[in-house]
Amino acid sequence: MRNLIAFVVLLGLGWYGYSQYQRRAELTGAADFPPPFNRPSPAPHTSTPGTAYKCDGRVYCSQMTSCAEATYFLQNCPGTKMDGNNDGIPCEKQWCK
């Protein structure tokens, strides 16, 4: 019986740890993973004069605050995941309706 209780506790701790890992992986996206060995890493993008945005690792619509910001990220930052249908308009369900 003790073994069963210990197993259930360890299983619960493992589930909790994995859920925390998944949550953090979603928030950081692919920014934490090194690029493949056969491709050079992209140059960091910064904002151009007159814009208030800069590429800072955000890739999802939930991390944006406006349609203009999402559009800037889609056009200027590598690895964004904001245009599911590839029509050039980001975050159509949230920001760019």
N, C-alpha and C. Protein backbone atom coordinates (compact mmCIF):
# COMPACT_ATOMS: atom_id res chain seq x y z
N MET A 1 0.82 -1.19 0.00
CA MET A 1 0.00 0.00 0.00
C MET A 1 0.86 1.26 0.00
N ARG A 2 1.97 1.23 0.76
CA ARG A 2 2.87 2.39 0.79
C ARG A 2 3.48 2.65 -0.58
N ASN A 3 3.81 1.58 -1.27
CA ASN A 3 4.39 1.73 -2.60
C ASN A 3 3.40 2.40 -3.56
N LEU A 4 2.14 2.03 -3.44
CA LEU A 4 1.11 2.62 -4.29
C LEU A 4 0.96 4.12 -4.00
N ILE A 5 0.94 4.48 -2.74
CA ILE A 5 0.83 5.89 -2.36
C ILE A 5 2.04 6.68 -2.85
N ALA A 6 3.23 6.12 -2.68
CA ALA A 6 4.44 6.78 -3.15
C ALA A 6 4.41 6.94 -4.67
N PHE A 7 3.94 5.94 -5.38
CA PHE A 7 3.85 6.01 -6.82
C PHE A 7 2.88 7.10 -7.26
N VAL A 8 1.72 7.19 -6.61
CA VAL A 8 0.72 8.20 -6.96
C VAL A 8 1.28 9.60 -6.69
N VAL A 9 1.98 9.79 -5.58
CA VAL A 9 2.58 11.09 -5.27
C VAL A 9 3.63 11.45 -6.31
N LEU A 10 4.49 10.52 -6.67
CA LEU A 10 5.50 10.79 -7.69
C LEU A 10 4.86 11.07 -9.05
N LEU A 11 3.82 10.36 -9.38
CA LEU A 11 3.12 10.60 -10.63
C LEU A 11 2.52 12.00 -10.65
N GLY A 12 1.92 12.42 -9.54
CA GLY A 12 1.36 13.76 -9.45
C GLY A 12 2.43 14.84 -9.58
N LEU A 13 3.57 14.64 -8.94
CA LEU A 13 4.66 15.60 -9.05
C LEU A 13 5.20 15.67 -10.47
N GLY A 14 5.29 14.54 -11.11
CA GLY A 14 5.75 14.50 -12.50
C GLY A 14 4.78 15.23 -13.43
N TRP A 15 3.50 15.01 -13.23
CA TRP A 15 2.49 15.69 -14.03
C TRP A 15 2.57 17.20 -13.82
N TYR A 16 2.68 17.65 -12.59
CA TYR A 16 2.78 19.07 -12.29
C TYR A 16 4.04 19.68 -12.95
N GLY A 17 5.15 19.02 -12.83
CA GLY A 17 6.39 19.52 -13.43
C GLY A 17 6.29 19.61 -14.94
N TYR A 18 5.71 18.61 -15.55
CA TYR A 18 5.56 18.62 -17.01
C TYR A 18 4.61 19.74 -17.45
N SER A 19 3.52 19.96 -16.72
CA SER A 19 2.60 21.03 -17.10
C SER A 19 3.27 22.39 -16.99
N GLN A 20 4.12 22.58 -15.98
CA GLN A 20 4.86 23.84 -15.86
C GLN A 20 5.86 23.99 -17.01
N TYR A 21 6.51 22.92 -17.38
CA TYR A 21 7.44 22.94 -18.51
C TYR A 21 6.71 23.32 -19.79
N GLN A 22 5.55 22.72 -20.04
CA GLN A 22 4.79 23.02 -21.24
C GLN A 22 4.35 24.48 -21.27
N ARG A 23 3.91 25.00 -20.14
CA ARG A 23 3.47 26.40 -20.06
C ARG A 23 4.62 27.34 -20.40
N ARG A 24 5.78 27.08 -19.85
CA ARG A 24 6.94 27.93 -20.14
C ARG A 24 7.40 27.79 -21.57
N ALA A 25 7.32 26.59 -22.13
CA ALA A 25 7.71 26.38 -23.51
C ALA A 25 6.78 27.15 -24.45
N GLU A 26 5.49 27.21 -24.13
CA GLU A 26 4.55 27.98 -24.93
C GLU A 26 4.86 29.46 -24.87
N LEU A 27 5.20 29.96 -23.70
CA LEU A 27 5.48 31.38 -23.54
C LEU A 27 6.75 31.80 -24.26
N THR A 28 7.76 30.96 -24.25
CA THR A 28 9.03 31.34 -24.86
C THR A 28 9.11 30.94 -26.32
N GLY A 29 8.28 30.01 -26.76
CA GLY A 29 8.31 29.58 -28.14
C GLY A 29 9.64 28.93 -28.49
N ALA A 30 10.09 29.14 -29.70
CA ALA A 30 11.33 28.51 -30.17
C ALA A 30 12.55 29.34 -29.85
N ALA A 31 12.40 30.45 -29.13
CA ALA A 31 13.53 31.34 -28.86
C ALA A 31 14.61 30.67 -28.03
N ASP A 32 14.25 29.68 -27.23
CA ASP A 32 15.23 29.04 -26.36
C ASP A 32 16.02 27.93 -27.04
N PHE A 33 15.58 27.52 -28.21
CA PHE A 33 16.23 26.41 -28.88
C PHE A 33 17.27 26.95 -29.85
N PRO A 34 18.45 26.33 -29.88
CA PRO A 34 19.48 26.81 -30.83
C PRO A 34 19.07 26.49 -32.25
N PRO A 35 19.54 27.29 -33.22
CA PRO A 35 19.20 27.01 -34.61
C PRO A 35 19.87 25.72 -35.06
N PRO A 36 19.35 25.07 -36.11
CA PRO A 36 19.98 23.86 -36.62
C PRO A 36 21.43 24.12 -37.01
N PHE A 37 22.26 23.10 -36.93
CA PHE A 37 23.69 23.28 -37.16
C PHE A 37 24.04 23.68 -38.58
N ASN A 38 23.16 23.41 -39.55
CA ASN A 38 23.50 23.71 -40.93
C ASN A 38 22.99 25.07 -41.40
N ARG A 39 22.33 25.84 -40.53
CA ARG A 39 21.87 27.16 -40.91
C ARG A 39 22.50 28.21 -40.01
N PRO A 40 22.95 29.32 -40.56
CA PRO A 40 23.46 30.38 -39.70
C PRO A 40 22.30 31.01 -38.94
N SER A 41 22.56 31.48 -37.75
CA SER A 41 21.50 32.09 -36.97
C SER A 41 21.16 33.45 -37.58
N PRO A 42 19.88 33.82 -37.59
CA PRO A 42 19.48 35.08 -38.19
C PRO A 42 20.01 36.26 -37.38
N ALA A 43 20.26 37.35 -38.08
CA ALA A 43 20.73 38.55 -37.41
C ALA A 43 19.59 39.10 -36.56
N PRO A 44 19.90 39.62 -35.39
CA PRO A 44 18.82 40.17 -34.57
C PRO A 44 18.22 41.40 -35.24
N HIS A 45 16.92 41.47 -35.21
CA HIS A 45 16.22 42.60 -35.81
C HIS A 45 15.89 43.61 -34.73
N THR A 46 16.06 44.83 -35.04
CA THR A 46 15.66 45.90 -34.13
C THR A 46 14.71 46.81 -34.87
N SER A 47 14.12 47.71 -34.16
CA SER A 47 13.15 48.59 -34.80
C SER A 47 13.84 49.57 -35.73
N THR A 48 13.13 49.92 -36.78
CA THR A 48 13.64 50.92 -37.69
C THR A 48 13.26 52.29 -37.15
N PRO A 49 13.95 53.35 -37.56
CA PRO A 49 13.61 54.67 -37.05
C PRO A 49 12.14 54.99 -37.29
N GLY A 50 11.49 55.50 -36.27
CA GLY A 50 10.08 55.85 -36.39
C GLY A 50 9.13 54.76 -35.90
N THR A 51 9.63 53.57 -35.56
CA THR A 51 8.75 52.52 -35.03
C THR A 51 9.06 52.31 -33.55
N ALA A 52 8.07 51.86 -32.85
CA ALA A 52 8.24 51.64 -31.41
C ALA A 52 8.44 50.17 -31.10
N TYR A 53 8.58 49.33 -32.10
CA TYR A 53 8.67 47.89 -31.88
C TYR A 53 10.08 47.38 -32.16
N LYS A 54 10.42 46.25 -31.53
CA LYS A 54 11.66 45.56 -31.84
C LYS A 54 11.44 44.08 -31.63
N CYS A 55 12.16 43.28 -32.37
CA CYS A 55 12.06 41.83 -32.25
C CYS A 55 12.66 41.42 -30.91
N ASP A 56 11.85 40.82 -30.08
CA ASP A 56 12.32 40.45 -28.75
C ASP A 56 11.97 39.02 -28.38
N GLY A 57 11.68 38.21 -29.37
CA GLY A 57 11.41 36.80 -29.11
C GLY A 57 9.95 36.43 -29.04
N ARG A 58 9.06 37.41 -29.04
CA ARG A 58 7.63 37.09 -29.00
C ARG A 58 7.21 36.55 -30.37
N VAL A 59 6.40 35.51 -30.37
CA VAL A 59 6.00 34.89 -31.64
C VAL A 59 4.50 34.65 -31.76
N TYR A 60 3.73 34.76 -30.69
CA TYR A 60 2.32 34.42 -30.70
C TYR A 60 1.43 35.66 -30.60
N CYS A 61 0.22 35.57 -31.13
CA CYS A 61 -0.73 36.68 -31.08
C CYS A 61 -1.06 37.08 -29.64
N SER A 62 -1.10 36.12 -28.76
CA SER A 62 -1.43 36.42 -27.36
C SER A 62 -0.37 37.29 -26.70
N GLN A 63 0.80 37.41 -27.32
CA GLN A 63 1.87 38.23 -26.77
C GLN A 63 1.87 39.64 -27.35
N MET A 64 0.99 39.91 -28.31
CA MET A 64 0.93 41.22 -28.96
C MET A 64 -0.08 42.12 -28.26
N THR A 65 0.01 43.43 -28.53
CA THR A 65 -0.93 44.38 -27.92
C THR A 65 -1.73 45.15 -28.95
N SER A 66 -1.44 44.97 -30.26
CA SER A 66 -2.19 45.67 -31.29
C SER A 66 -1.96 44.99 -32.64
N CYS A 67 -2.78 45.37 -33.61
CA CYS A 67 -2.62 44.86 -34.96
C CYS A 67 -1.32 45.39 -35.58
N ALA A 68 -1.00 46.65 -35.31
CA ALA A 68 0.23 47.23 -35.86
C ALA A 68 1.46 46.50 -35.33
N GLU A 69 1.44 46.18 -34.06
CA GLU A 69 2.58 45.45 -33.47
C GLU A 69 2.70 44.06 -34.08
N ALA A 70 1.58 43.36 -34.21
CA ALA A 70 1.58 42.02 -34.80
C ALA A 70 2.06 42.06 -36.25
N THR A 71 1.63 43.07 -36.99
CA THR A 71 2.06 43.21 -38.39
C THR A 71 3.56 43.46 -38.46
N TYR A 72 4.09 44.31 -37.59
CA TYR A 72 5.53 44.56 -37.57
C TYR A 72 6.29 43.27 -37.31
N PHE A 73 5.86 42.52 -36.30
CA PHE A 73 6.55 41.28 -35.95
C PHE A 73 6.48 40.28 -37.10
N LEU A 74 5.34 40.17 -37.75
CA LEU A 74 5.20 39.22 -38.86
C LEU A 74 6.13 39.58 -40.01
N GLN A 75 6.26 40.87 -40.31
CA GLN A 75 7.06 41.31 -41.45
C GLN A 75 8.55 41.38 -41.15
N ASN A 76 8.93 41.55 -39.89
CA ASN A 76 10.33 41.84 -39.59
C ASN A 76 11.05 40.85 -38.69
N CYS A 77 10.33 39.98 -38.02
CA CYS A 77 10.95 39.11 -37.03
C CYS A 77 10.86 37.65 -37.45
N PRO A 78 11.93 36.89 -37.27
CA PRO A 78 11.93 35.48 -37.68
C PRO A 78 11.15 34.61 -36.70
N GLY A 79 10.54 33.57 -37.20
CA GLY A 79 9.92 32.54 -36.37
C GLY A 79 8.57 32.88 -35.79
N THR A 80 7.88 33.90 -36.31
CA THR A 80 6.58 34.23 -35.75
C THR A 80 5.55 33.18 -36.14
N LYS A 81 4.55 33.03 -35.29
CA LYS A 81 3.48 32.05 -35.52
C LYS A 81 2.15 32.77 -35.39
N MET A 82 1.96 33.79 -36.25
CA MET A 82 0.78 34.64 -36.14
C MET A 82 -0.07 34.67 -37.40
N ASP A 83 0.30 33.92 -38.42
CA ASP A 83 -0.45 33.94 -39.68
C ASP A 83 -0.72 32.51 -40.11
N GLY A 84 -1.70 31.90 -39.48
CA GLY A 84 -1.98 30.49 -39.72
C GLY A 84 -2.37 30.16 -41.14
N ASN A 85 -3.06 31.07 -41.84
CA ASN A 85 -3.48 30.78 -43.21
C ASN A 85 -2.56 31.41 -44.25
N ASN A 86 -1.45 31.99 -43.83
CA ASN A 86 -0.42 32.54 -44.72
C ASN A 86 -0.96 33.57 -45.71
N ASP A 87 -1.88 34.43 -45.26
CA ASP A 87 -2.39 35.46 -46.15
C ASP A 87 -1.73 36.82 -45.91
N GLY A 88 -0.76 36.87 -45.00
CA GLY A 88 -0.06 38.12 -44.73
C GLY A 88 -0.71 38.99 -43.68
N ILE A 89 -1.85 38.56 -43.16
CA ILE A 89 -2.54 39.32 -42.12
C ILE A 89 -2.42 38.53 -40.82
N PRO A 90 -1.72 39.08 -39.82
CA PRO A 90 -1.53 38.35 -38.57
C PRO A 90 -2.72 38.51 -37.62
N CYS A 91 -2.87 37.56 -36.75
CA CYS A 91 -3.80 37.66 -35.60
C CYS A 91 -5.20 38.08 -36.01
N GLU A 92 -5.75 37.44 -37.00
CA GLU A 92 -7.06 37.84 -37.52
C GLU A 92 -8.20 37.63 -36.52
N LYS A 93 -8.04 36.71 -35.59
CA LYS A 93 -9.09 36.47 -34.61
C LYS A 93 -8.98 37.39 -33.41
N GLN A 94 -7.79 37.99 -33.19
CA GLN A 94 -7.59 38.80 -32.00
C GLN A 94 -7.45 40.28 -32.31
N TRP A 95 -6.53 40.63 -33.19
CA TRP A 95 -6.18 42.04 -33.37
C TRP A 95 -6.56 42.59 -34.72
N CYS A 96 -6.30 41.91 -35.79
CA CYS A 96 -6.50 42.44 -37.15
C CYS A 96 -7.77 41.87 -37.77
N LYS A 97 -8.91 42.27 -37.26
CA LYS A 97 -10.21 41.74 -37.72
C LYS A 97 -10.65 42.38 -38.99
